[in-house]
Amino acid sequence: MNPQDKRDLPEVVAEILIEQHAMRQDIGEMRQDINGLRREIKEEIGGLRQEMRTSQENLVLLFNNMTNAILDAMNRGNDRYDRTGQELDQLKVRATKLKNPAA
């Protein structure tokens, strides 16, 4: 070091303290930013969870509605089949009576 470049100790300490203070402020701002981001992420995750729950509930309702519609259609088909069977039985009885009126 040149003797011209030498600074006195208080000046160097003051510069270090000023720089340290600025760094602490920067770190404090960064912490606030990070905390804000954490809150935003938590809110976003909460919203996504709610959307997933709602979507799942909607899927369950849709599945139940589809299942009920299929079962209703099957029941109507069975009812028609049963009625057709009963009508055939009645027609057989009538045909038998027509063939054998004495019976």
N, C-alpha and C. Protein backbone atom coordinates (compact mmCIF):
# COMPACT_ATOMS: atom_id res chain seq x y z
N MET A 1 0.83 -1.18 0.00
CA MET A 1 0.00 0.00 0.00
C MET A 1 0.87 1.25 0.00
N ASN A 2 0.45 2.17 -0.72
CA ASN A 2 1.14 3.47 -0.71
C ASN A 2 0.71 4.26 0.51
N PRO A 3 1.56 5.03 1.03
CA PRO A 3 1.17 5.86 2.15
C PRO A 3 0.02 6.80 1.80
N GLN A 4 -0.11 7.14 0.51
CA GLN A 4 -1.18 8.03 0.10
C GLN A 4 -2.55 7.35 0.17
N ASP A 5 -2.56 6.02 0.00
CA ASP A 5 -3.81 5.26 -0.01
C ASP A 5 -4.31 4.93 1.38
N LYS A 6 -3.51 5.19 2.36
CA LYS A 6 -3.91 4.85 3.72
C LYS A 6 -5.00 5.79 4.19
N ARG A 7 -6.03 5.16 4.78
CA ARG A 7 -7.10 5.94 5.39
C ARG A 7 -7.05 5.68 6.88
N ASP A 8 -7.59 6.56 7.61
CA ASP A 8 -7.56 6.35 9.05
C ASP A 8 -8.62 5.33 9.44
N LEU A 9 -8.42 4.67 10.53
CA LEU A 9 -9.28 3.57 11.00
C LEU A 9 -10.73 3.99 11.19
N PRO A 10 -11.06 5.10 11.78
CA PRO A 10 -12.46 5.48 11.95
C PRO A 10 -13.20 5.59 10.60
N GLU A 11 -12.49 6.10 9.58
CA GLU A 11 -13.12 6.23 8.27
C GLU A 11 -13.45 4.85 7.68
N VAL A 12 -12.54 3.91 7.82
CA VAL A 12 -12.75 2.56 7.31
C VAL A 12 -13.89 1.88 8.08
N VAL A 13 -13.89 2.01 9.40
CA VAL A 13 -14.94 1.42 10.22
C VAL A 13 -16.30 2.02 9.87
N ALA A 14 -16.35 3.33 9.68
CA ALA A 14 -17.60 4.00 9.32
C ALA A 14 -18.11 3.47 7.98
N GLU A 15 -17.22 3.32 7.03
CA GLU A 15 -17.62 2.80 5.71
C GLU A 15 -18.15 1.37 5.83
N ILE A 16 -17.49 0.57 6.63
CA ILE A 16 -17.95 -0.82 6.85
C ILE A 16 -19.32 -0.83 7.51
N LEU A 17 -19.51 0.03 8.53
CA LEU A 17 -20.81 0.08 9.21
C LEU A 17 -21.91 0.56 8.28
N ILE A 18 -21.62 1.53 7.43
CA ILE A 18 -22.61 2.02 6.47
C ILE A 18 -22.99 0.91 5.50
N GLU A 19 -21.98 0.20 5.01
CA GLU A 19 -22.23 -0.92 4.07
C GLU A 19 -23.02 -2.03 4.77
N GLN A 20 -22.67 -2.30 6.01
CA GLN A 20 -23.37 -3.35 6.76
C GLN A 20 -24.85 -2.95 6.96
N HIS A 21 -25.09 -1.70 7.28
CA HIS A 21 -26.46 -1.22 7.46
C HIS A 21 -27.26 -1.36 6.15
N ALA A 22 -26.66 -1.00 5.05
CA ALA A 22 -27.32 -1.12 3.74
C ALA A 22 -27.64 -2.59 3.44
N MET A 23 -26.71 -3.47 3.76
CA MET A 23 -26.93 -4.91 3.53
C MET A 23 -28.08 -5.42 4.41
N ARG A 24 -28.11 -4.96 5.66
CA ARG A 24 -29.20 -5.38 6.55
C ARG A 24 -30.56 -4.91 6.01
N GLN A 25 -30.60 -3.71 5.49
CA GLN A 25 -31.85 -3.21 4.91
C GLN A 25 -32.25 -4.07 3.69
N ASP A 26 -31.26 -4.39 2.86
CA ASP A 26 -31.53 -5.23 1.69
C ASP A 26 -32.04 -6.61 2.13
N ILE A 27 -31.41 -7.16 3.15
CA ILE A 27 -31.83 -8.48 3.66
C ILE A 27 -33.24 -8.39 4.22
N GLY A 28 -33.55 -7.31 4.94
CA GLY A 28 -34.90 -7.13 5.49
C GLY A 28 -35.94 -7.04 4.37
N GLU A 29 -35.62 -6.31 3.32
CA GLU A 29 -36.54 -6.21 2.18
C GLU A 29 -36.72 -7.56 1.51
N MET A 30 -35.62 -8.28 1.38
CA MET A 30 -35.70 -9.62 0.78
C MET A 30 -36.57 -10.55 1.62
N ARG A 31 -36.43 -10.45 2.93
CA ARG A 31 -37.26 -11.28 3.82
C ARG A 31 -38.74 -10.93 3.64
N GLN A 32 -39.04 -9.64 3.55
CA GLN A 32 -40.43 -9.24 3.34
C GLN A 32 -40.94 -9.78 2.01
N ASP A 33 -40.11 -9.68 0.98
CA ASP A 33 -40.50 -10.21 -0.34
C ASP A 33 -40.75 -11.71 -0.26
N ILE A 34 -39.86 -12.41 0.41
CA ILE A 34 -39.99 -13.88 0.54
C ILE A 34 -41.26 -14.22 1.32
N ASN A 35 -41.52 -13.49 2.40
CA ASN A 35 -42.74 -13.74 3.18
C ASN A 35 -43.99 -13.47 2.34
N GLY A 36 -43.94 -12.40 1.54
CA GLY A 36 -45.06 -12.12 0.65
C GLY A 36 -45.26 -13.23 -0.36
N LEU A 37 -44.17 -13.74 -0.92
CA LEU A 37 -44.26 -14.85 -1.87
C LEU A 37 -44.81 -16.10 -1.19
N ARG A 38 -44.38 -16.34 0.03
CA ARG A 38 -44.90 -17.50 0.77
C ARG A 38 -46.41 -17.40 0.95
N ARG A 39 -46.87 -16.20 1.34
CA ARG A 39 -48.32 -16.00 1.50
C ARG A 39 -49.06 -16.23 0.19
N GLU A 40 -48.51 -15.69 -0.90
CA GLU A 40 -49.14 -15.87 -2.21
C GLU A 40 -49.19 -17.34 -2.59
N ILE A 41 -48.10 -18.06 -2.34
CA ILE A 41 -48.04 -19.48 -2.67
C ILE A 41 -49.07 -20.25 -1.84
N LYS A 42 -49.15 -19.94 -0.54
CA LYS A 42 -50.13 -20.61 0.32
C LYS A 42 -51.55 -20.34 -0.16
N GLU A 43 -51.82 -19.09 -0.53
CA GLU A 43 -53.16 -18.76 -1.03
C GLU A 43 -53.44 -19.51 -2.33
N GLU A 44 -52.44 -19.55 -3.20
CA GLU A 44 -52.62 -20.24 -4.48
C GLU A 44 -52.85 -21.73 -4.27
N ILE A 45 -52.08 -22.32 -3.35
CA ILE A 45 -52.25 -23.74 -3.05
C ILE A 45 -53.64 -23.98 -2.46
N GLY A 46 -54.06 -23.10 -1.57
CA GLY A 46 -55.40 -23.23 -1.00
C GLY A 46 -56.47 -23.17 -2.06
N GLY A 47 -56.31 -22.25 -3.01
CA GLY A 47 -57.26 -22.15 -4.11
C GLY A 47 -57.26 -23.39 -4.98
N LEU A 48 -56.07 -23.91 -5.25
CA LEU A 48 -55.97 -25.12 -6.06
C LEU A 48 -56.60 -26.31 -5.35
N ARG A 49 -56.39 -26.40 -4.05
CA ARG A 49 -57.01 -27.49 -3.28
C ARG A 49 -58.53 -27.41 -3.35
N GLN A 50 -59.05 -26.18 -3.21
CA GLN A 50 -60.50 -26.00 -3.29
C GLN A 50 -61.02 -26.39 -4.68
N GLU A 51 -60.29 -25.98 -5.71
CA GLU A 51 -60.69 -26.34 -7.08
C GLU A 51 -60.69 -27.86 -7.26
N MET A 52 -59.67 -28.51 -6.69
CA MET A 52 -59.60 -29.97 -6.81
C MET A 52 -60.78 -30.62 -6.08
N ARG A 53 -61.10 -30.12 -4.88
CA ARG A 53 -62.25 -30.67 -4.14
C ARG A 53 -63.54 -30.49 -4.93
N THR A 54 -63.71 -29.29 -5.47
CA THR A 54 -64.92 -29.00 -6.24
C THR A 54 -64.98 -29.89 -7.48
N SER A 55 -63.87 -30.03 -8.16
CA SER A 55 -63.83 -30.89 -9.35
C SER A 55 -64.14 -32.34 -8.99
N GLN A 56 -63.58 -32.79 -7.89
CA GLN A 56 -63.83 -34.16 -7.45
C GLN A 56 -65.31 -34.35 -7.10
N GLU A 57 -65.88 -33.38 -6.40
CA GLU A 57 -67.31 -33.46 -6.05
C GLU A 57 -68.16 -33.48 -7.32
N ASN A 58 -67.79 -32.66 -8.30
CA ASN A 58 -68.53 -32.63 -9.55
C ASN A 58 -68.42 -33.96 -10.29
N LEU A 59 -67.23 -34.56 -10.27
CA LEU A 59 -67.06 -35.86 -10.91
C LEU A 59 -67.91 -36.93 -10.23
N VAL A 60 -67.95 -36.89 -8.91
CA VAL A 60 -68.77 -37.86 -8.16
C VAL A 60 -70.24 -37.68 -8.52
N LEU A 61 -70.70 -36.43 -8.56
CA LEU A 61 -72.10 -36.17 -8.92
C LEU A 61 -72.39 -36.64 -10.34
N LEU A 62 -71.47 -36.35 -11.26
CA LEU A 62 -71.65 -36.77 -12.64
C LEU A 62 -71.71 -38.29 -12.75
N PHE A 63 -70.80 -38.97 -12.05
CA PHE A 63 -70.79 -40.43 -12.05
C PHE A 63 -72.10 -40.99 -11.48
N ASN A 64 -72.55 -40.41 -10.37
CA ASN A 64 -73.81 -40.86 -9.77
C ASN A 64 -74.99 -40.64 -10.71
N ASN A 65 -75.03 -39.48 -11.36
CA ASN A 65 -76.11 -39.19 -12.29
C ASN A 65 -76.10 -40.16 -13.47
N MET A 66 -74.89 -40.43 -13.98
CA MET A 66 -74.78 -41.37 -15.10
C MET A 66 -75.21 -42.77 -14.67
N THR A 67 -74.78 -43.18 -13.50
CA THR A 67 -75.14 -44.51 -12.99
C THR A 67 -76.66 -44.60 -12.80
N ASN A 68 -77.25 -43.57 -12.23
CA ASN A 68 -78.71 -43.57 -12.04
C ASN A 68 -79.44 -43.62 -13.37
N ALA A 69 -78.94 -42.88 -14.36
CA ALA A 69 -79.58 -42.88 -15.68
C ALA A 69 -79.51 -44.26 -16.31
N ILE A 70 -78.36 -44.92 -16.18
CA ILE A 70 -78.20 -46.28 -16.73
C ILE A 70 -79.14 -47.25 -16.02
N LEU A 71 -79.18 -47.17 -14.70
CA LEU A 71 -80.06 -48.07 -13.94
C LEU A 71 -81.53 -47.83 -14.28
N ASP A 72 -81.91 -46.57 -14.44
CA ASP A 72 -83.29 -46.26 -14.82
C ASP A 72 -83.62 -46.85 -16.19
N ALA A 73 -82.70 -46.69 -17.13
CA ALA A 73 -82.92 -47.24 -18.47
C ALA A 73 -83.03 -48.76 -18.42
N MET A 74 -82.18 -49.38 -17.63
CA MET A 74 -82.23 -50.85 -17.49
C MET A 74 -83.56 -51.27 -16.86
N ASN A 75 -84.01 -50.55 -15.84
CA ASN A 75 -85.28 -50.89 -15.19
C ASN A 75 -86.45 -50.73 -16.16
N ARG A 76 -86.42 -49.66 -16.95
CA ARG A 76 -87.49 -49.48 -17.94
C ARG A 76 -87.47 -50.63 -18.95
N GLY A 77 -86.27 -51.03 -19.38
CA GLY A 77 -86.15 -52.15 -20.31
C GLY A 77 -86.67 -53.44 -19.69
N ASN A 78 -86.34 -53.68 -18.43
CA ASN A 78 -86.83 -54.88 -17.74
C ASN A 78 -88.35 -54.84 -17.61
N ASP A 79 -88.88 -53.66 -17.29
CA ASP A 79 -90.34 -53.53 -17.18
C ASP A 79 -91.01 -53.83 -18.52
N ARG A 80 -90.45 -53.31 -19.61
CA ARG A 80 -91.01 -53.59 -20.93
C ARG A 80 -90.92 -55.08 -21.23
N TYR A 81 -89.79 -55.69 -20.88
CA TYR A 81 -89.61 -57.11 -21.12
C TYR A 81 -90.64 -57.91 -20.32
N ASP A 82 -90.83 -57.54 -19.05
CA ASP A 82 -91.81 -58.23 -18.20
C ASP A 82 -93.22 -58.06 -18.77
N ARG A 83 -93.58 -56.84 -19.17
CA ARG A 83 -94.91 -56.60 -19.74
C ARG A 83 -95.10 -57.40 -21.03
N THR A 84 -94.05 -57.43 -21.85
CA THR A 84 -94.13 -58.18 -23.10
C THR A 84 -94.32 -59.66 -22.80
N GLY A 85 -93.62 -60.16 -21.80
CA GLY A 85 -93.77 -61.57 -21.39
C GLY A 85 -95.17 -61.85 -20.91
N GLN A 86 -95.72 -60.93 -20.11
CA GLN A 86 -97.09 -61.10 -19.61
C GLN A 86 -98.09 -61.04 -20.76
N GLU A 87 -97.87 -60.12 -21.69
CA GLU A 87 -98.76 -60.01 -22.85
C GLU A 87 -98.70 -61.29 -23.70
N LEU A 88 -97.49 -61.84 -23.85
CA LEU A 88 -97.36 -63.09 -24.60
C LEU A 88 -98.10 -64.23 -23.90
N ASP A 89 -97.96 -64.28 -22.57
CA ASP A 89 -98.67 -65.32 -21.82
C ASP A 89 -100.19 -65.17 -22.01
N GLN A 90 -100.68 -63.93 -21.95
CA GLN A 90 -102.12 -63.69 -22.15
C GLN A 90 -102.55 -64.09 -23.56
N LEU A 91 -101.72 -63.77 -24.54
CA LEU A 91 -102.04 -64.14 -25.92
C LEU A 91 -102.05 -65.67 -26.09
N LYS A 92 -101.12 -66.35 -25.42
CA LYS A 92 -101.09 -67.82 -25.49
C LYS A 92 -102.38 -68.40 -24.90
N VAL A 93 -102.81 -67.84 -23.76
CA VAL A 93 -104.04 -68.31 -23.11
C VAL A 93 -105.22 -68.07 -24.06
N ARG A 94 -105.29 -66.90 -24.66
CA ARG A 94 -106.39 -66.60 -25.58
C ARG A 94 -106.35 -67.51 -26.81
N ALA A 95 -105.12 -67.73 -27.31
CA ALA A 95 -104.99 -68.61 -28.50
C ALA A 95 -105.42 -70.02 -28.15
N THR A 96 -105.05 -70.45 -26.93
CA THR A 96 -105.45 -71.80 -26.50
C THR A 96 -106.97 -71.88 -26.38
N LYS A 97 -107.57 -70.85 -25.84
CA LYS A 97 -109.04 -70.85 -25.68
C LYS A 97 -109.72 -70.83 -27.05
N LEU A 98 -109.08 -70.13 -27.99
CA LEU A 98 -109.68 -70.09 -29.34
C LEU A 98 -109.57 -71.44 -30.02
N LYS A 99 -108.47 -72.14 -29.77
CA LYS A 99 -108.28 -73.47 -30.36
C LYS A 99 -109.22 -74.48 -29.71
N ASN A 100 -109.33 -74.40 -28.40
CA ASN A 100 -110.16 -75.33 -27.63
C ASN A 100 -111.22 -74.52 -26.87
N PRO A 101 -112.29 -74.17 -27.47
CA PRO A 101 -113.28 -73.36 -26.78
C PRO A 101 -113.90 -74.07 -25.59
N ALA A 102 -113.84 -75.35 -25.57
CA ALA A 102 -114.46 -76.09 -24.46
C ALA A 102 -113.57 -76.08 -23.23
N ALA A 103 -112.31 -75.80 -23.36
CA ALA A 103 -111.40 -75.90 -22.23
C ALA A 103 -111.54 -74.81 -21.23
